[in-house]
Structure formats: C-alpha cells, structure tokens
Amino acid sequence: MTIVTVYTRPSCPGCTATKRRLDTLGIAFTEQPLDEDNTAAAIELGFTSAPVVCVSIDGVEQSWAGYRPDRIDAVARAA
C-alpha cells in the first residue's frame, strides 16, 4: 500500500508542479497546508522548503522537500 502526503504553501510553484506530476502519474495523495505545526515538524526533519512530500510504501517511509520528479517517478514505479 502506498500513502502519499504533500505539505504545501499557497502560490508555491514547486507544490503545484509536484501535485501535477502525482496526478499525471495516477498517484493518489493527500494535501495538507504547511501550517505552524506542520512547518515545525518539517524543520525538525531538516526541510526548509516546500513542498514536503512524505511517502509510505508497504511501511517503508521516505520524505523529501522541493519538486523532485525523479523521486515521484520512483514512487510510481514502486506503487
């Protein structure tokens, strides 16, 4: 099972591109705003840019920040 959550900011080009690529590849995802709580958690993980993408594939978790088409494509191949 693949679970994808994308934490976004308004008017963020990387966020828009990430969501568009996920949609194009048919990867279902949940979008969450990078609000105070989520931003604090992202910073604790070492991320300082949006979007923050968290993926769980069969219990194996990975995450990254920014628009990363290579990582999105890898999720599509694994799903």
PDB file of N, CA and C in Angstrom:
ATOM      1  N   MET A   1       0.837  -1.179   0.000  1.00  0.00           N
ATOM      2  CA  MET A   1       0.000   0.000   0.000  1.00  0.00           C
ATOM      3  C   MET A   1       0.884   1.244   0.000  1.00  0.00           C
ATOM      4  N   THR A   2       0.530   2.214  -0.824  1.00  0.00           N
ATOM      5  CA  THR A   2       1.278   3.457  -0.925  1.00  0.00           C
ATOM      6  C   THR A   2       0.444   4.606  -0.384  1.00  0.00           C
ATOM      7  N   ILE A   3       1.012   5.359   0.535  1.00  0.00           N
ATOM      8  CA  ILE A   3       0.355   6.531   1.107  1.00  0.00           C
ATOM      9  C   ILE A   3       1.260   7.727   0.848  1.00  0.00           C
ATOM     10  N   VAL A   4       0.709   8.765   0.231  1.00  0.00           N
ATOM     11  CA  VAL A   4       1.482   9.960  -0.090  1.00  0.00           C
ATOM     12  C   VAL A   4       0.778  11.178   0.509  1.00  0.00           C
ATOM     13  N   THR A   5       1.535  11.986   1.237  1.00  0.00           N
ATOM     14  CA  THR A   5       1.032  13.241   1.772  1.00  0.00           C
ATOM     15  C   THR A   5       1.946  14.355   1.283  1.00  0.00           C
ATOM     16  N   VAL A   6       1.343  15.413   0.746  1.00  0.00           N
ATOM     17  CA  VAL A   6       2.102  16.553   0.243  1.00  0.00           C
ATOM     18  C   VAL A   6       1.736  17.767   1.095  1.00  0.00           C
ATOM     19  N   TYR A   7       2.720  18.322   1.776  1.00  0.00           N
ATOM     20  CA  TYR A   7       2.536  19.522   2.592  1.00  0.00           C
ATOM     21  C   TYR A   7       2.912  20.721   1.735  1.00  0.00           C
ATOM     22  N   THR A   8       1.971  21.653   1.567  1.00  0.00           N
ATOM     23  CA  THR A   8       2.137  22.733   0.608  1.00  0.00           C
ATOM     24  C   THR A   8       1.940  24.112   1.214  1.00  0.00           C
ATOM     25  N   ARG A   9       2.421  25.091   0.456  1.00  0.00           N
ATOM     26  CA  ARG A   9       2.183  26.505   0.764  1.00  0.00           C
ATOM     27  C   ARG A   9       1.408  27.111  -0.410  1.00  0.00           C
ATOM     28  N   PRO A  10       0.585  28.133  -0.136  1.00  0.00           N
ATOM     29  CA  PRO A  10      -0.137  28.801  -1.227  1.00  0.00           C
ATOM     30  C   PRO A  10       0.852  29.447  -2.210  1.00  0.00           C
ATOM     31  N   SER A  11       0.490  29.468  -3.465  1.00  0.00           N
ATOM     32  CA  SER A  11       1.280  30.118  -4.521  1.00  0.00           C
ATOM     33  C   SER A  11       2.699  29.581  -4.625  1.00  0.00           C
ATOM     34  N   CYS A  12       2.875  28.308  -4.362  1.00  0.00           N
ATOM     35  CA  CYS A  12       4.197  27.670  -4.406  1.00  0.00           C
ATOM     36  C   CYS A  12       4.331  26.916  -5.729  1.00  0.00           C
ATOM     37  N   PRO A  13       5.217  27.370  -6.639  1.00  0.00           N
ATOM     38  CA  PRO A  13       5.357  26.698  -7.931  1.00  0.00           C
ATOM     39  C   PRO A  13       5.787  25.235  -7.803  1.00  0.00           C
ATOM     40  N   GLY A  14       6.688  24.936  -6.875  1.00  0.00           N
ATOM     41  CA  GLY A  14       7.129  23.559  -6.676  1.00  0.00           C
ATOM     42  C   GLY A  14       6.003  22.673  -6.170  1.00  0.00           C
ATOM     43  N   CYS A  15       5.143  23.249  -5.344  1.00  0.00           N
ATOM     44  CA  CYS A  15       3.991  22.500  -4.828  1.00  0.00           C
ATOM     45  C   CYS A  15       3.039  22.158  -5.968  1.00  0.00           C
ATOM     46  N   THR A  16       2.765  23.146  -6.812  1.00  0.00           N
ATOM     47  CA  THR A  16       1.882  22.931  -7.953  1.00  0.00           C
ATOM     48  C   THR A  16       2.449  21.882  -8.899  1.00  0.00           C
ATOM     49  N   ALA A  17       3.749  21.972  -9.187  1.00  0.00           N
ATOM     50  CA  ALA A  17       4.385  21.009 -10.088  1.00  0.00           C
ATOM     51  C   ALA A  17       4.355  19.603  -9.502  1.00  0.00           C
ATOM     52  N   THR A  18       4.579  19.489  -8.200  1.00  0.00           N
ATOM     53  CA  THR A  18       4.554  18.181  -7.545  1.00  0.00           C
ATOM     54  C   THR A  18       3.170  17.558  -7.635  1.00  0.00           C
ATOM     55  N   LYS A  19       2.147  18.329  -7.316  1.00  0.00           N
ATOM     56  CA  LYS A  19       0.778  17.813  -7.368  1.00  0.00           C
ATOM     57  C   LYS A  19       0.395  17.435  -8.791  1.00  0.00           C
ATOM     58  N   ARG A  20       0.812  18.252  -9.767  1.00  0.00           N
ATOM     59  CA  ARG A  20       0.501  17.964 -11.170  1.00  0.00           C
ATOM     60  C   ARG A  20       1.145  16.646 -11.606  1.00  0.00           C
ATOM     61  N   ARG A  21       2.410  16.429 -11.234  1.00  0.00           N
ATOM     62  CA  ARG A  21       3.103  15.197 -11.642  1.00  0.00           C
ATOM     63  C   ARG A  21       2.477  13.975 -10.962  1.00  0.00           C
ATOM     64  N   LEU A  22       2.138  14.089  -9.686  1.00  0.00           N
ATOM     65  CA  LEU A  22       1.471  12.990  -8.994  1.00  0.00           C
ATOM     66  C   LEU A  22       0.158  12.648  -9.692  1.00  0.00           C
ATOM     67  N   ASP A  23      -0.621  13.676 -10.031  1.00  0.00           N
ATOM     68  CA  ASP A  23      -1.888  13.459 -10.743  1.00  0.00           C
ATOM     69  C   ASP A  23      -1.654  12.789 -12.088  1.00  0.00           C
ATOM     70  N   THR A  24      -0.673  13.283 -12.842  1.00  0.00           N
ATOM     71  CA  THR A  24      -0.376  12.745 -14.169  1.00  0.00           C
ATOM     72  C   THR A  24      -0.009  11.269 -14.101  1.00  0.00           C
ATOM     73  N   LEU A  25       0.726  10.888 -13.052  1.00  0.00           N
ATOM     74  CA  LEU A  25       1.164   9.501 -12.896  1.00  0.00           C
ATOM     75  C   LEU A  25       0.119   8.633 -12.194  1.00  0.00           C
ATOM     76  N   GLY A  26      -1.007   9.231 -11.823  1.00  0.00           N
ATOM     77  CA  GLY A  26      -2.082   8.471 -11.187  1.00  0.00           C
ATOM     78  C   GLY A  26      -1.797   8.078  -9.753  1.00  0.00           C
ATOM     79  N   ILE A  27      -0.966   8.859  -9.072  1.00  0.00           N
ATOM     80  CA  ILE A  27      -0.629   8.570  -7.673  1.00  0.00           C
ATOM     81  C   ILE A  27      -1.565   9.380  -6.781  1.00  0.00           C
ATOM     82  N   ALA A  28      -2.369   8.679  -6.001  1.00  0.00           N
ATOM     83  CA  ALA A  28      -3.275   9.352  -5.076  1.00  0.00           C
ATOM     84  C   ALA A  28      -2.469   9.969  -3.937  1.00  0.00           C
ATOM     85  N   PHE A  29      -2.885  11.158  -3.506  1.00  0.00           N
ATOM     86  CA  PHE A  29      -2.183  11.822  -2.411  1.00  0.00           C
ATOM     87  C   PHE A  29      -3.155  12.665  -1.610  1.00  0.00           C
ATOM     88  N   THR A  30      -2.738  12.988  -0.406  1.00  0.00           N
ATOM     89  CA  THR A  30      -3.473  13.895   0.454  1.00  0.00           C
ATOM     90  C   THR A  30      -2.664  15.174   0.556  1.00  0.00           C
ATOM     91  N   GLU A  31      -3.325  16.305   0.397  1.00  0.00           N
ATOM     92  CA  GLU A  31      -2.645  17.598   0.519  1.00  0.00           C
ATOM     93  C   GLU A  31      -2.940  18.205   1.884  1.00  0.00           C
ATOM     94  N   GLN A  32      -1.898  18.693   2.530  1.00  0.00           N
ATOM     95  CA  GLN A  32      -2.036  19.352   3.817  1.00  0.00           C
ATOM     96  C   GLN A  32      -1.302  20.692   3.748  1.00  0.00           C
ATOM     97  N   PRO A  33      -1.824  21.721   4.412  1.00  0.00           N
ATOM     98  CA  PRO A  33      -1.116  23.003   4.417  1.00  0.00           C
ATOM     99  C   PRO A  33       0.100  22.942   5.339  1.00  0.00           C
ATOM    100  N   LEU A  34       1.140  23.667   4.958  1.00  0.00           N
ATOM    101  CA  LEU A  34       2.295  23.804   5.853  1.00  0.00           C
ATOM    102  C   LEU A  34       1.949  24.907   6.853  1.00  0.00           C
ATOM    103  N   ASP A  35       1.164  24.533   7.862  1.00  0.00           N
ATOM    104  CA  ASP A  35       0.779  25.486   8.893  1.00  0.00           C
ATOM    105  C   ASP A  35       1.849  25.490   9.992  1.00  0.00           C
ATOM    106  N   GLU A  36       1.588  26.146  11.097  1.00  0.00           N
ATOM    107  CA  GLU A  36       2.596  26.252  12.168  1.00  0.00           C
ATOM    108  C   GLU A  36       3.085  24.887  12.642  1.00  0.00           C
ATOM    109  N   ASP A  37       2.161  23.977  12.914  1.00  0.00           N
ATOM    110  CA  ASP A  37       2.545  22.661  13.426  1.00  0.00           C
ATOM    111  C   ASP A  37       3.327  21.862  12.390  1.00  0.00           C
ATOM    112  N   ASN A  38       2.827  21.826  11.154  1.00  0.00           N
ATOM    113  CA  ASN A  38       3.499  21.063  10.117  1.00  0.00           C
ATOM    114  C   ASN A  38       4.852  21.657   9.750  1.00  0.00           C
ATOM    115  N   THR A  39       4.959  22.988   9.761  1.00  0.00           N
ATOM    116  CA  THR A  39       6.232  23.630   9.448  1.00  0.00           C
ATOM    117  C   THR A  39       7.267  23.291  10.516  1.00  0.00           C
ATOM    118  N   ALA A  40       6.879  23.306  11.772  1.00  0.00           N
ATOM    119  CA  ALA A  40       7.804  22.962  12.855  1.00  0.00           C
ATOM    120  C   ALA A  40       8.297  21.524  12.696  1.00  0.00           C
ATOM    121  N   ALA A  41       7.399  20.616  12.346  1.00  0.00           N
ATOM    122  CA  ALA A  41       7.782  19.211  12.157  1.00  0.00           C
ATOM    123  C   ALA A  41       8.717  19.070  10.958  1.00  0.00           C
ATOM    124  N   ALA A  42       8.450  19.805   9.873  1.00  0.00           N
ATOM    125  CA  ALA A  42       9.305  19.745   8.685  1.00  0.00           C
ATOM    126  C   ALA A  42      10.709  20.255   8.999  1.00  0.00           C
ATOM    127  N   ILE A  43      10.799  21.326   9.764  1.00  0.00           N
ATOM    128  CA  ILE A  43      12.103  21.878  10.139  1.00  0.00           C
ATOM    129  C   ILE A  43      12.866  20.890  11.009  1.00  0.00           C
ATOM    130  N   GLU A  44      12.176  20.199  11.909  1.00  0.00           N
ATOM    131  CA  GLU A  44      12.829  19.176  12.737  1.00  0.00           C
ATOM    132  C   GLU A  44      13.407  18.055  11.886  1.00  0.00           C
ATOM    133  N   LEU A  45      12.764  17.764  10.758  1.00  0.00           N
ATOM    134  CA  LEU A  45      13.263  16.734   9.842  1.00  0.00           C
ATOM    135  C   LEU A  45      14.384  17.269   8.947  1.00  0.00           C
ATOM    136  N   GLY A  46      14.643  18.586   9.015  1.00  0.00           N
ATOM    137  CA  GLY A  46      15.711  19.177   8.227  1.00  0.00           C
ATOM    138  C   GLY A  46      15.254  19.811   6.928  1.00  0.00           C
ATOM    139  N   PHE A  47      13.940  19.924   6.724  1.00  0.00           N
ATOM    140  CA  PHE A  47      13.414  20.503   5.490  1.00  0.00           C
ATOM    141  C   PHE A  47      13.120  21.983   5.686  1.00  0.00           C
ATOM    142  N   THR A  48      13.550  22.788   4.729  1.00  0.00           N
ATOM    143  CA  THR A  48      13.322  24.225   4.833  1.00  0.00           C
ATOM    144  C   THR A  48      12.615  24.803   3.610  1.00  0.00           C
ATOM    145  N   SER A  49      12.187  23.942   2.686  1.00  0.00           N
ATOM    146  CA  SER A  49      11.476  24.440   1.513  1.00  0.00           C
ATOM    147  C   SER A  49      10.250  23.581   1.254  1.00  0.00           C
ATOM    148  N   ALA A  50       9.316  24.173   0.516  1.00  0.00           N
ATOM    149  CA  ALA A  50       8.083  23.467   0.170  1.00  0.00           C
ATOM    150  C   ALA A  50       8.167  23.000  -1.274  1.00  0.00           C
ATOM    151  N   PRO A  51       7.426  21.970  -1.614  1.00  0.00           N
ATOM    152  CA  PRO A  51       6.595  21.153  -0.746  1.00  0.00           C
ATOM    153  C   PRO A  51       7.443  20.157   0.042  1.00  0.00           C
ATOM    154  N   VAL A  52       6.841  19.610   1.073  1.00  0.00           N
ATOM    155  CA  VAL A  52       7.417  18.468   1.772  1.00  0.00           C
ATOM    156  C   VAL A  52       6.544  17.274   1.419  1.00  0.00           C
ATOM    157  N   VAL A  53       7.173  16.240   0.890  1.00  0.00           N
ATOM    158  CA  VAL A  53       6.446  15.053   0.450  1.00  0.00           C
ATOM    159  C   VAL A  53       6.829  13.889   1.351  1.00  0.00           C
ATOM    160  N   CYS A  54       5.830  13.238   1.935  1.00  0.00           N
ATOM    161  CA  CYS A  54       6.044  12.070   2.792  1.00  0.00           C
ATOM    162  C   CYS A  54       5.358  10.880   2.132  1.00  0.00           C
ATOM    163  N   VAL A  55       6.122   9.811   1.963  1.00  0.00           N
ATOM    164  CA  VAL A  55       5.624   8.629   1.269  1.00  0.00           C
ATOM    165  C   VAL A  55       5.851   7.404   2.148  1.00  0.00           C
ATOM    166  N   SER A  56       4.854   6.541   2.198  1.00  0.00           N
ATOM    167  CA  SER A  56       4.979   5.249   2.861  1.00  0.00           C
ATOM    168  C   SER A  56       4.578   4.185   1.842  1.00  0.00           C
ATOM    169  N   ILE A  57       5.518   3.303   1.512  1.00  0.00           N
ATOM    170  CA  ILE A  57       5.250   2.208   0.584  1.00  0.00           C
ATOM    171  C   ILE A  57       5.458   0.917   1.345  1.00  0.00           C
ATOM    172  N   ASP A  58       4.350   0.227   1.611  1.00  0.00           N
ATOM    173  CA  ASP A  58       4.387  -1.026   2.372  1.00  0.00           C
ATOM    174  C   ASP A  58       5.155  -0.864   3.675  1.00  0.00           C
ATOM    175  N   GLY A  59       4.922   0.264   4.357  1.00  0.00           N
ATOM    176  CA  GLY A  59       5.530   0.502   5.654  1.00  0.00           C
ATOM    177  C   GLY A  59       6.925   1.112   5.618  1.00  0.00           C
ATOM    178  N   VAL A  60       7.521   1.234   4.442  1.00  0.00           N
ATOM    179  CA  VAL A  60       8.835   1.863   4.312  1.00  0.00           C
ATOM    180  C   VAL A  60       8.602   3.341   4.006  1.00  0.00           C
ATOM    181  N   GLU A  61       9.124   4.199   4.877  1.00  0.00           N
ATOM    182  CA  GLU A  61       8.855   5.624   4.743  1.00  0.00           C
ATOM    183  C   GLU A  61      10.034   6.380   4.165  1.00  0.00           C
ATOM    184  N   GLN A  62       9.702   7.399   3.375  1.00  0.00           N
ATOM    185  CA  GLN A  62      10.702   8.303   2.831  1.00  0.00           C
ATOM    186  C   GLN A  62      10.076   9.676   2.740  1.00  0.00           C
ATOM    187  N   SER A  63      10.903  10.702   2.724  1.00  0.00           N
ATOM    188  CA  SER A  63      10.391  12.054   2.590  1.00  0.00           C
ATOM    189  C   SER A  63      11.450  12.927   1.932  1.00  0.00           C
ATOM    190  N   TRP A  64      10.983  13.997   1.321  1.00  0.00           N
ATOM    191  CA  TRP A  64      11.882  14.956   0.695  1.00  0.00           C
ATOM    192  C   TRP A  64      11.179  16.302   0.597  1.00  0.00           C
ATOM    193  N   ALA A  65      11.948  17.322   0.286  1.00  0.00           N
ATOM    194  CA  ALA A  65      11.413  18.667   0.099  1.00  0.00           C
ATOM    195  C   ALA A  65      11.727  19.133  -1.309  1.00  0.00           C
ATOM    196  N   GLY A  66      10.854  19.992  -1.824  1.00  0.00           N
ATOM    197  CA  GLY A  66      11.048  20.554  -3.148  1.00  0.00           C
ATOM    198  C   GLY A  66      10.451  19.670  -4.227  1.00  0.00           C
ATOM    199  N   TYR A  67      10.435  20.203  -5.440  1.00  0.00           N
ATOM    200  CA  TYR A  67       9.914  19.453  -6.580  1.00  0.00           C
ATOM    201  C   TYR A  67      10.983  18.480  -7.033  1.00  0.00           C
ATOM    202  N   ARG A  68      10.704  17.178  -6.898  1.00  0.00           N
ATOM    203  CA  ARG A  68      11.662  16.126  -7.232  1.00  0.00           C
ATOM    204  C   ARG A  68      11.008  15.111  -8.165  1.00  0.00           C
ATOM    205  N   PRO A  69      10.972  15.411  -9.466  1.00  0.00           N
ATOM    206  CA  PRO A  69      10.323  14.479 -10.396  1.00  0.00           C
ATOM    207  C   PRO A  69      10.958  13.098 -10.381  1.00  0.00           C
ATOM    208  N   ASP A  70      12.262  13.010 -10.122  1.00  0.00           N
ATOM    209  CA  ASP A  70      12.917  11.700 -10.050  1.00  0.00           C
ATOM    210  C   ASP A  70      12.357  10.864  -8.901  1.00  0.00           C
ATOM    211  N   ARG A  71      12.125  11.487  -7.772  1.00  0.00           N
ATOM    212  CA  ARG A  71      11.578  10.766  -6.620  1.00  0.00           C
ATOM    213  C   ARG A  71      10.121  10.374  -6.858  1.00  0.00           C
ATOM    214  N   ILE A  72       9.366  11.276  -7.484  1.00  0.00           N
ATOM    215  CA  ILE A  72       7.966  10.981  -7.797  1.00  0.00           C
ATOM    216  C   ILE A  72       7.878   9.818  -8.764  1.00  0.00           C
ATOM    217  N   ASP A  73       8.739   9.811  -9.782  1.00  0.00           N
ATOM    218  CA  ASP A  73       8.758   8.701 -10.744  1.00  0.00           C
ATOM    219  C   ASP A  73       9.097   7.384 -10.050  1.00  0.00           C
ATOM    220  N   ALA A  74      10.009   7.420  -9.068  1.00  0.00           N
ATOM    221  CA  ALA A  74      10.374   6.198  -8.337  1.00  0.00           C
ATOM    222  C   ALA A  74       9.173   5.686  -7.534  1.00  0.00           C
ATOM    223  N   VAL A  75       8.386   6.583  -6.980  1.00  0.00           N
ATOM    224  CA  VAL A  75       7.179   6.174  -6.258  1.00  0.00           C
ATOM    225  C   VAL A  75       6.201   5.511  -7.215  1.00  0.00           C
ATOM    226  N   ALA A  76       6.063   6.069  -8.409  1.00  0.00           N
ATOM    227  CA  ALA A  76       5.150   5.489  -9.399  1.00  0.00           C
ATOM    228  C   ALA A  76       5.596   4.081  -9.784  1.00  0.00           C
ATOM    229  N   ARG A  77       6.889   3.880  -9.926  1.00  0.00           N
ATOM    230  CA  ARG A  77       7.394   2.554 -10.280  1.00  0.00           C
ATOM    231  C   ARG A  77       7.185   1.552  -9.141  1.00  0.00           C
ATOM    232  N   ALA A  78       7.274   2.015  -7.900  1.00  0.00           N
ATOM    233  CA  ALA A  78       7.156   1.120  -6.750  1.00  0.00           C
ATOM    234  C   ALA A  78       5.708   0.824  -6.391  1.00  0.00           C
ATOM    235  N   ALA A  79       4.818   1.713  -6.791  1.00  0.00           N
ATOM    236  CA  ALA A  79       3.401   1.561  -6.400  1.00  0.00           C
ATOM    237  C   ALA A  79       2.712   0.464  -7.171  1.00  0.00           C
TER     238      ALA A  79
END
